[in-house]
C-alpha atoms as a PDB file:
ATOM      1  CA  MET A   1     -33.032 -26.389  21.659  1.00  0.00           C
ATOM      2  CA  LYS A   2     -35.184 -27.338  18.808  1.00  0.00           C
ATOM      3  CA  ASN A   3     -37.153 -29.356  20.498  1.00  0.00           C
ATOM      4  CA  LEU A   4     -38.050 -26.325  22.748  1.00  0.00           C
ATOM      5  CA  PHE A   5     -38.707 -24.314  20.107  1.00  0.00           C
ATOM      6  CA  MET A   6     -35.923 -21.701  20.228  1.00  0.00           C
ATOM      7  CA  LEU A   7     -34.443 -22.166  17.397  1.00  0.00           C
ATOM      8  CA  ASP A   8     -35.915 -22.659  13.995  1.00  0.00           C
ATOM      9  CA  ASN A   9     -35.748 -24.951  10.493  1.00  0.00           C
ATOM     10  CA  ASN A  10     -32.793 -23.321   9.736  1.00  0.00           C
ATOM     11  CA  GLY A  11     -31.098 -22.713  12.994  1.00  0.00           C
ATOM     12  CA  ASN A  12     -32.260 -19.135  13.784  1.00  0.00           C
ATOM     13  CA  TYR A  13     -33.278 -18.430  17.772  1.00  0.00           C
ATOM     14  CA  THR A  14     -36.588 -17.950  17.875  1.00  0.00           C
ATOM     15  CA  ASN A  15     -39.092 -15.088  19.400  1.00  0.00           C
ATOM     16  CA  LEU A  16     -39.303 -17.145  22.395  1.00  0.00           C
ATOM     17  CA  ALA A  17     -35.772 -17.574  22.609  1.00  0.00           C
ATOM     18  CA  LEU A  18     -36.004 -13.800  22.949  1.00  0.00           C
ATOM     19  CA  LEU A  19     -38.422 -13.776  25.387  1.00  0.00           C
ATOM     20  CA  LEU A  20     -36.007 -15.757  27.422  1.00  0.00           C
ATOM     21  CA  SER A  21     -32.562 -13.794  26.996  1.00  0.00           C
ATOM     22  CA  ASP A  22     -31.237 -11.446  29.012  1.00  0.00           C
ATOM     23  CA  GLN A  23     -31.818  -9.260  25.630  1.00  0.00           C
ATOM     24  CA  ASN A  24     -35.989  -9.454  26.146  1.00  0.00           C
ATOM     25  CA  PRO A  25     -37.085  -6.139  25.188  1.00  0.00           C
ATOM     26  CA  TYR A  26     -40.457  -6.587  27.190  1.00  0.00           C
ATOM     27  CA  THR A  27     -40.653  -5.443  30.759  1.00  0.00           C
ATOM     28  CA  VAL A  28     -42.724  -4.654  34.009  1.00  0.00           C
ATOM     29  CA  LYS A  29     -43.409  -1.334  35.438  1.00  0.00           C
ATOM     30  CA  VAL A  30     -44.711  -1.337  39.215  1.00  0.00           C
ATOM     31  CA  ALA A  31     -45.927   2.152  40.015  1.00  0.00           C
ATOM     32  CA  THR A  32     -46.759   2.663  43.744  1.00  0.00           C
ATOM     33  CA  TYR A  33     -49.334   4.351  44.586  1.00  0.00           C
ATOM     34  CA  GLN A  34     -51.186   5.665  48.432  1.00  0.00           C
ATOM     35  CA  SER A  35     -54.814   5.737  47.121  1.00  0.00           C
ATOM     36  CA  VAL A  36     -56.679   4.419  43.390  1.00  0.00           C
ATOM     37  CA  ASN A  37     -57.707   8.460  43.194  1.00  0.00           C
ATOM     38  CA  LYS A  38     -53.339   8.134  41.972  1.00  0.00           C
ATOM     39  CA  THR A  39     -52.803  11.481  43.804  1.00  0.00           C
ATOM     40  CA  ASN A  40     -49.858  10.612  46.365  1.00  0.00           C
ATOM     41  CA  PHE A  41     -47.496   8.934  44.515  1.00  0.00           C
ATOM     42  CA  LEU A  42     -44.667   6.561  46.401  1.00  0.00           C
ATOM     43  CA  ASP A  43     -42.615   4.496  44.264  1.00  0.00           C
ATOM     44  CA  ARG A  44     -41.668   3.416  40.584  1.00  0.00           C
ATOM     45  CA  LYS A  45     -40.250   0.305  39.832  1.00  0.00           C
ATOM     46  CA  GLU A  46     -39.076  -1.344  35.923  1.00  0.00           C
ATOM     47  CA  PHE A  47     -38.332  -4.747  35.620  1.00  0.00           C
ATOM     48  CA  GLY A  48     -36.597  -6.374  32.783  1.00  0.00           C
ATOM     49  CA  GLY A  49     -34.189  -9.338  31.753  1.00  0.00           C
ATOM     50  CA  SER A  50     -35.381 -12.408  30.456  1.00  0.00           C
ATOM     51  CA  LEU A  51     -38.695 -13.283  31.595  1.00  0.00           C
ATOM     52  CA  LEU A  52     -38.333 -15.696  34.177  1.00  0.00           C
ATOM     53  CA  ASP A  53     -35.383 -13.075  36.084  1.00  0.00           C
ATOM     54  CA  VAL A  54     -38.941 -10.537  35.377  1.00  0.00           C
ATOM     55  CA  TYR A  55     -41.076 -13.108  36.914  1.00  0.00           C
ATOM     56  CA  ASP A  56     -38.261 -13.772  39.933  1.00  0.00           C
ATOM     57  CA  LYS A  57     -38.199  -9.706  40.696  1.00  0.00           C
ATOM     58  CA  THR A  58     -41.401  -9.218  40.456  1.00  0.00           C
ATOM     59  CA  LEU A  59     -42.631 -10.914  42.596  1.00  0.00           C
ATOM     60  CA  SER A  60     -40.011 -10.868  45.381  1.00  0.00           C
ATOM     61  CA  TYR A  61     -41.071  -6.882  45.577  1.00  0.00           C
ATOM     62  CA  LEU A  62     -44.927  -7.603  45.470  1.00  0.00           C
ATOM     63  CA  LYS A  63     -44.475  -9.850  48.280  1.00  0.00           C
ATOM     64  CA  ILE A  64     -41.709  -7.120  50.520  1.00  0.00           C
ATOM     65  CA  ASN A  65     -44.640  -4.726  49.383  1.00  0.00           C
ATOM     66  CA  SER A  66     -47.588  -7.054  50.766  1.00  0.00           C
ATOM     67  CA  ALA A  67     -47.621  -7.124  55.224  1.00  0.00           C
ATOM     68  CA  THR A  68     -49.098  -9.987  57.413  1.00  0.00           C
ATOM     69  CA  TYR A  69     -51.485  -9.355  60.052  1.00  0.00           C
ATOM     70  CA  ARG A  70     -51.574 -12.007  63.155  1.00  0.00           C
ATOM     71  CA  LEU A  71     -55.074 -12.755  63.604  1.00  0.00           C
ATOM     72  CA  ILE A  72     -56.133 -13.800  67.499  1.00  0.00           C
ATOM     73  CA  ASP A  73     -59.646 -14.444  67.754  1.00  0.00           C
ATOM     74  CA  SER A  74     -60.152 -16.842  71.003  1.00  0.00           C
ATOM     75  CA  SER A  75     -58.437 -19.944  70.549  1.00  0.00           C
ATOM     76  CA  ILE A  76     -58.192 -19.144  66.503  1.00  0.00           C
ATOM     77  CA  ARG A  77     -54.239 -17.995  65.921  1.00  0.00           C
ATOM     78  CA  GLU A  78     -54.150 -17.332  61.626  1.00  0.00           C
ATOM     79  CA  ASP A  79     -51.904 -15.343  59.808  1.00  0.00           C
ATOM     80  CA  ILE A  80     -53.448 -13.010  57.424  1.00  0.00           C
ATOM     81  CA  GLU A  81     -51.808 -12.308  54.069  1.00  0.00           C
ATOM     82  CA  GLU A  82     -52.727  -9.001  52.556  1.00  0.00           C
ATOM     83  CA  TYR A  83     -51.935 -10.494  49.445  1.00  0.00           C
ATOM     84  CA  PRO A  84     -51.146 -14.370  49.849  1.00  0.00           C
ATOM     85  CA  GLU A  85     -48.451 -15.586  47.944  1.00  0.00           C
ATOM     86  CA  PHE A  86     -49.832 -17.897  45.510  1.00  0.00           C
ATOM     87  CA  ILE A  87     -52.257 -15.492  44.059  1.00  0.00           C
ATOM     88  CA  LEU A  88     -49.135 -12.944  43.297  1.00  0.00           C
ATOM     89  CA  ARG A  89     -47.529 -16.140  41.483  1.00  0.00           C
ATOM     90  CA  GLU A  90     -50.654 -16.921  39.916  1.00  0.00           C
ATOM     91  CA  ILE A  91     -51.407 -13.527  38.774  1.00  0.00           C
ATOM     92  CA  ILE A  92     -47.434 -12.424  37.465  1.00  0.00           C
ATOM     93  CA  LEU A  93     -47.513 -15.633  35.886  1.00  0.00           C
ATOM     94  CA  ASN A  94     -50.797 -15.294  33.484  1.00  0.00           C
ATOM     95  CA  SER A  95     -49.763 -11.500  32.618  1.00  0.00           C
ATOM     96  CA  LEU A  96     -46.165 -12.503  31.644  1.00  0.00           C
ATOM     97  CA  ILE A  97     -47.309 -16.626  29.727  1.00  0.00           C
ATOM     98  CA  HIS A  98     -51.212 -15.186  27.992  1.00  0.00           C
ATOM     99  CA  ARG A  99     -50.392 -11.596  27.076  1.00  0.00           C
ATOM    100  CA  ASP A 100     -49.770  -9.982  23.150  1.00  0.00           C
ATOM    101  CA  TYR A 101     -46.142  -9.804  22.468  1.00  0.00           C
ATOM    102  CA  THR A 102     -46.999  -8.542  18.622  1.00  0.00           C
ATOM    103  CA  VAL A 103     -46.710  -5.224  19.874  1.00  0.00           C
ATOM    104  CA  LEU A 104     -43.551  -3.899  22.347  1.00  0.00           C
ATOM    105  CA  THR A 105     -44.968  -2.671  25.116  1.00  0.00           C
ATOM    106  CA  SER A 106     -45.312  -2.994  28.989  1.00  0.00           C
ATOM    107  CA  ASN A 107     -46.848  -4.683  31.057  1.00  0.00           C
ATOM    108  CA  ILE A 108     -48.234  -2.413  34.199  1.00  0.00           C
ATOM    109  CA  ILE A 109     -48.539  -3.012  37.811  1.00  0.00           C
ATOM    110  CA  ASN A 110     -50.477   0.022  39.585  1.00  0.00           C
ATOM    111  CA  ILE A 111     -50.131  -0.779  43.837  1.00  0.00           C
ATOM    112  CA  TYR A 112     -52.806   1.064  45.680  1.00  0.00           C
ATOM    113  CA  LYS A 113     -51.595   0.712  49.398  1.00  0.00           C
ATOM    114  CA  ASP A 114     -55.268   1.332  51.191  1.00  0.00           C
ATOM    115  CA  ASP A 115     -56.977  -0.663  48.410  1.00  0.00           C
ATOM    116  CA  SER A 116     -55.372  -3.106  45.696  1.00  0.00           C
ATOM    117  CA  ILE A 117     -53.285  -4.348  43.436  1.00  0.00           C
ATOM    118  CA  GLU A 118     -53.866  -3.763  39.338  1.00  0.00           C
ATOM    119  CA  PHE A 119     -52.123  -5.631  36.960  1.00  0.00           C
ATOM    120  CA  ILE A 120     -52.524  -4.817  33.260  1.00  0.00           C
ATOM    121  CA  SER A 121     -51.327  -6.551  30.617  1.00  0.00           C
ATOM    122  CA  TYR A 122     -51.524  -5.991  26.688  1.00  0.00           C
ATOM    123  CA  GLY A 123     -53.904  -8.300  24.972  1.00  0.00           C
ATOM    124  CA  SER A 124     -57.807  -9.468  25.618  1.00  0.00           C
ATOM    125  CA  LEU A 125     -58.493 -12.761  25.569  1.00  0.00           C
ATOM    126  CA  TYR A 126     -57.768 -15.056  23.427  1.00  0.00           C
ATOM    127  CA  GLY A 127     -60.140 -17.532  21.643  1.00  0.00           C
ATOM    128  CA  ASN A 128     -63.599 -17.733  21.686  1.00  0.00           C
ATOM    129  CA  ILE A 129     -63.624 -17.360  25.242  1.00  0.00           C
ATOM    130  CA  THR A 130     -65.100 -15.270  28.280  1.00  0.00           C
ATOM    131  CA  ILE A 131     -64.559 -14.131  31.581  1.00  0.00           C
ATOM    132  CA  GLU A 132     -66.861 -16.792  33.206  1.00  0.00           C
ATOM    133  CA  ASP A 133     -64.765 -19.063  30.807  1.00  0.00           C
ATOM    134  CA  VAL A 134     -61.801 -18.351  32.716  1.00  0.00           C
ATOM    135  CA  LEU A 135     -63.254 -18.611  35.914  1.00  0.00           C
ATOM    136  CA  ALA A 136     -64.538 -21.735  35.114  1.00  0.00           C
ATOM    137  CA  GLY A 137     -61.106 -22.768  34.647  1.00  0.00           C
ATOM    138  CA  LEU A 138     -60.886 -22.953  30.503  1.00  0.00           C
ATOM    139  CA  SER A 139     -57.445 -21.740  29.037  1.00  0.00           C
ATOM    140  CA  THR A 140     -56.695 -21.429  26.075  1.00  0.00           C
ATOM    141  CA  SER A 141     -53.012 -20.325  25.206  1.00  0.00           C
ATOM    142  CA  ARG A 142     -51.771 -17.597  23.051  1.00  0.00           C
ATOM    143  CA  ASN A 143     -47.981 -18.380  23.598  1.00  0.00           C
ATOM    144  CA  PRO A 144     -48.325 -22.460  24.548  1.00  0.00           C
ATOM    145  CA  HIS A 145     -44.571 -22.623  23.984  1.00  0.00           C
ATOM    146  CA  LEU A 146     -43.503 -20.129  26.677  1.00  0.00           C
ATOM    147  CA  GLN A 147     -46.112 -22.319  28.833  1.00  0.00           C
ATOM    148  CA  SER A 148     -44.857 -25.234  28.159  1.00  0.00           C
ATOM    149  CA  ILE A 149     -41.332 -23.674  29.478  1.00  0.00           C
ATOM    150  CA  PHE A 150     -42.880 -22.389  32.419  1.00  0.00           C
ATOM    151  CA  MET A 151     -44.382 -25.808  33.271  1.00  0.00           C
ATOM    152  CA  ARG A 152     -41.207 -27.336  33.053  1.00  0.00           C
ATOM    153  CA  LEU A 153     -39.612 -25.590  35.032  1.00  0.00           C
ATOM    154  CA  LYS A 154     -42.716 -25.728  37.776  1.00  0.00           C
ATOM    155  CA  ARG A 155     -43.283 -22.517  37.662  1.00  0.00           C
ATOM    156  CA  VAL A 156     -47.143 -23.163  36.626  1.00  0.00           C
ATOM    157  CA  GLU A 157     -49.089 -25.989  37.845  1.00  0.00           C
ATOM    158  CA  ALA A 158     -51.791 -26.830  36.193  1.00  0.00           C
ATOM    159  CA  ILE A 159     -53.339 -25.693  33.139  1.00  0.00           C
ATOM    160  CA  GLY A 160     -56.624 -23.553  33.271  1.00  0.00           C
ATOM    161  CA  SER A 161     -56.336 -23.530  37.398  1.00  0.00           C
ATOM    162  CA  GLY A 162     -54.760 -19.804  37.930  1.00  0.00           C
ATOM    163  CA  LEU A 163     -57.673 -17.257  37.820  1.00  0.00           C
ATOM    164  CA  ARG A 164     -59.813 -20.641  39.198  1.00  0.00           C
ATOM    165  CA  ARG A 165     -57.717 -21.104  42.417  1.00  0.00           C
ATOM    166  CA  VAL A 166     -57.896 -17.153  42.616  1.00  0.00           C
ATOM    167  CA  ASN A 167     -61.550 -16.483  42.582  1.00  0.00           C
ATOM    168  CA  SER A 168     -62.614 -19.496  44.680  1.00  0.00           C
ATOM    169  CA  TYR A 169     -60.052 -18.529  47.484  1.00  0.00           C
ATOM    170  CA  TYR A 170     -61.868 -14.804  47.405  1.00  0.00           C
ATOM    171  CA  LYS A 171     -65.339 -16.131  47.176  1.00  0.00           C
ATOM    172  CA  SER A 172     -63.920 -18.024  50.417  1.00  0.00           C
ATOM    173  CA  LYS A 173     -62.998 -14.826  51.919  1.00  0.00           C
ATOM    174  CA  ASN A 174     -66.485 -12.909  50.936  1.00  0.00           C
ATOM    175  CA  LEU A 175     -64.268 -10.701  48.381  1.00  0.00           C
ATOM    176  CA  ASP A 176     -64.373 -10.163  45.061  1.00  0.00           C
ATOM    177  CA  PHE A 177     -61.731  -9.082  42.812  1.00  0.00           C
ATOM    178  CA  LEU A 178     -62.337  -7.735  39.772  1.00  0.00           C
ATOM    179  CA  VAL A 179     -61.215  -9.545  36.479  1.00  0.00           C
ATOM    180  CA  LYS A 180     -61.635  -7.761  33.260  1.00  0.00           C
ATOM    181  CA  ALA A 181     -61.003  -8.374  29.227  1.00  0.00           C
ATOM    182  CA  LEU A 182     -61.129  -4.765  27.566  1.00  0.00           C
ATOM    183  CA  PRO A 183     -60.525  -4.515  23.486  1.00  0.00           C
ATOM    184  CA  SER A 184     -56.298  -4.265  23.347  1.00  0.00           C
ATOM    185  CA  SER A 185     -55.544  -5.541  26.841  1.00  0.00           C
ATOM    186  CA  PHE A 186     -56.588  -7.647  30.399  1.00  0.00           C
ATOM    187  CA  VAL A 187     -56.891  -5.777  33.700  1.00  0.00           C
ATOM    188  CA  VAL A 188     -57.019  -8.354  36.957  1.00  0.00           C
ATOM    189  CA  ARG A 189     -57.074  -5.975  40.502  1.00  0.00           C
ATOM    190  CA  LEU A 190     -56.778  -7.822  43.861  1.00  0.00           C
ATOM    191  CA  PRO A 191     -58.819  -6.629  47.571  1.00  0.00           C
ATOM    192  CA  ARG A 192     -56.135  -6.003  49.677  1.00  0.00           C
ATOM    193  CA  ILE A 193     -57.454  -7.974  52.610  1.00  0.00           C
ATOM    194  CA  THR A 194     -56.789  -6.677  56.075  1.00  0.00           C
ATOM    195  CA  ILE A 195     -58.548  -8.519  59.653  1.00  0.00           C
ATOM    196  CA  ASP A 196     -61.026  -6.273  59.345  1.00  0.00           C
ATOM    197  CA  LYS A 197     -62.852  -6.947  56.491  1.00  0.00           C
ATOM    198  CA  ILE A 198     -62.732 -10.252  56.531  1.00  0.00           C
ATOM    199  CA  SER A 199     -64.199 -10.031  60.634  1.00  0.00           C
ATOM    200  CA  ILE A 200     -66.729  -7.727  58.826  1.00  0.00           C
ATOM    201  CA  LYS A 201     -67.143  -9.887  55.325  1.00  0.00           C
ATOM    202  CA  ASP A 202     -67.442 -13.375  57.366  1.00  0.00           C
ATOM    203  CA  ASP A 203     -70.182 -11.243  60.024  1.00  0.00           C
ATOM    204  CA  TYR A 204     -72.307 -10.028  57.096  1.00  0.00           C
ATOM    205  CA  LYS A 205     -72.564 -14.117  56.036  1.00  0.00           C
ATOM    206  CA  ILE A 206     -73.766 -14.927  59.456  1.00  0.00           C
ATOM    207  CA  ILE A 207     -76.479 -12.468  59.197  1.00  0.00           C
ATOM    208  CA  ILE A 208     -77.958 -12.674  55.447  1.00  0.00           C
ATOM    209  CA  ASP A 209     -77.747 -16.801  56.073  1.00  0.00           C
ATOM    210  CA  TYR A 210     -80.281 -15.669  59.294  1.00  0.00           C
ATOM    211  CA  LEU A 211     -82.247 -13.232  57.478  1.00  0.00           C
ATOM    212  CA  ASP A 212     -82.674 -16.117  54.684  1.00  0.00           C
ATOM    213  CA  LYS A 213     -84.033 -18.271  57.139  1.00  0.00           C
ATOM    214  CA  ASN A 214     -85.721 -16.027  59.453  1.00  0.00           C
ATOM    215  CA  GLY A 215     -87.093 -12.750  57.103  1.00  0.00           C
ATOM    216  CA  GLU A 216     -85.821 -10.534  59.736  1.00  0.00           C
ATOM    217  CA  ILE A 217     -83.310  -9.652  62.595  1.00  0.00           C
ATOM    218  CA  THR A 218     -83.132  -7.113  65.786  1.00  0.00           C
ATOM    219  CA  ARG A 219     -80.017  -5.662  67.246  1.00  0.00           C
ATOM    220  CA  LYS A 220     -80.536  -8.068  69.515  1.00  0.00           C
ATOM    221  CA  GLN A 221     -80.259 -11.110  68.032  1.00  0.00           C
ATOM    222  CA  ALA A 222     -77.698 -10.203  66.098  1.00  0.00           C
ATOM    223  CA  GLU A 223     -75.658  -9.901  69.451  1.00  0.00           C
ATOM    224  CA  ARG A 224     -76.093 -12.970  70.462  1.00  0.00           C
ATOM    225  CA  LEU A 225     -76.009 -14.409  66.671  1.00  0.00           C
ATOM    226  CA  LEU A 226     -72.402 -12.732  66.059  1.00  0.00           C
ATOM    227  CA  ASN A 227     -71.298 -12.687  70.077  1.00  0.00           C
ATOM    228  CA  LYS A 228     -70.151  -9.345  69.736  1.00  0.00           C
ATOM    229  CA  GLU A 229     -71.245  -6.068  71.894  1.00  0.00           C
ATOM    230  CA  LYS A 230     -73.937  -3.693  71.355  1.00  0.00           C
ATOM    231  CA  THR A 231     -71.657  -0.853  69.923  1.00  0.00           C
ATOM    232  CA  THR A 232     -69.971  -3.471  67.620  1.00  0.00           C
ATOM    233  CA  THR A 233     -72.978  -4.970  66.106  1.00  0.00           C
ATOM    234  CA  SER A 234     -74.590  -1.493  65.550  1.00  0.00           C
ATOM    235  CA  ASN A 235     -71.692  -0.633  63.470  1.00  0.00           C
ATOM    236  CA  VAL A 236     -71.585  -4.277  61.558  1.00  0.00           C
ATOM    237  CA  LEU A 237     -75.260  -3.835  60.697  1.00  0.00           C
ATOM    238  CA  SER A 238     -74.748  -0.142  60.096  1.00  0.00           C
ATOM    239  CA  LYS A 239     -72.073  -1.228  57.115  1.00  0.00           C
ATOM    240  CA  MET A 240     -74.121  -3.400  55.633  1.00  0.00           C
ATOM    241  CA  ILE A 241     -77.111  -1.193  55.131  1.00  0.00           C
ATOM    242  CA  SER A 242     -74.305   1.705  53.968  1.00  0.00           C
ATOM    243  CA  ASP A 243     -73.744  -1.090  51.192  1.00  0.00           C
ATOM    244  CA  LYS A 244     -77.505  -1.699  50.507  1.00  0.00           C
ATOM    245  CA  ILE A 245     -77.519  -5.605  51.760  1.00  0.00           C
ATOM    246  CA  ILE A 246     -80.031  -5.234  54.504  1.00  0.00           C
ATOM    247  CA  LYS A 247     -82.707  -2.444  55.439  1.00  0.00           C
ATOM    248  CA  LYS A 248     -83.826  -0.542  58.451  1.00  0.00           C
ATOM    249  CA  ILE A 249     -87.824  -0.887  59.514  1.00  0.00           C
ATOM    250  CA  GLY A 250     -89.428   0.924  62.082  1.00  0.00           C
ATOM    251  CA  LYS A 251     -88.105   2.765  65.172  1.00  0.00           C
ATOM    252  CA  GLY A 252     -86.813   2.563  68.572  1.00  0.00           C
ATOM    253  CA  PRO A 253     -87.373  -0.749  70.398  1.00  0.00           C
ATOM    254  CA  ASN A 254     -89.547  -2.006  67.344  1.00  0.00           C
ATOM    255  CA  THR A 255     -86.724  -1.741  64.704  1.00  0.00           C
ATOM    256  CA  LYS A 256     -85.693  -4.677  62.538  1.00  0.00           C
ATOM    257  CA  TYR A 257     -83.229  -5.625  59.251  1.00  0.00           C
ATOM    258  CA  ILE A 258     -84.528  -7.081  56.631  1.00  0.00           C
ATOM    259  CA  LYS A 259     -83.012  -7.726  53.242  1.00  0.00           C
ATOM    260  CA  ILE A 260     -82.672  -5.142  50.228  1.00  0.00           C
END
């Protein structure tokens, strides 16, 4: 026990031992809403016990609330998770291992069914590092002995790899996730992944790549490029306009689209 820093030199249990015991007072509170405006409340849960139990219970609950879709596109069949399990694991672990335990307050998770999952933990970034440093893989630990326990139990794969892996995954899907360090808290918001988002963002990338090389594109060129019908292609172009990625120039048959 002493080698694990759960006993001090006088044989008394340490705060680390408290966190890993059933008497751990730090909980995770989960609230579920239909949308980000929080007007339609759906459910509330609170998970307590040892931090290991809190981790397992929280992960299990979030997995239950994450749907999986089957994407079938010609010869491609792919299962799309709203929130991939490895990402949920990383973010839950990050929020438990790196939070500030000097103040008795719960971690907060807000599930917005239509949009995202938000994680709020007490304590900002530890040490003189920035969000950019963290996403690049730099890590400083507020609770190194707690982190060591999770690593011994194979819950943590590699120090500093968590948020970097999450960032890389969402970049591969052309989606962004929010990471924010506030004065007294750390916030991560994961976007809900849907088939529509993935296919539309993929279409965005194809058109953007074409515009980078050619400067402009017509709807008919976009149809051939995306291999989609007129209506679907027009919808993609309209969404790119509303997202302020491209703009339309000209009228009628002379209409073209360029990057903003």
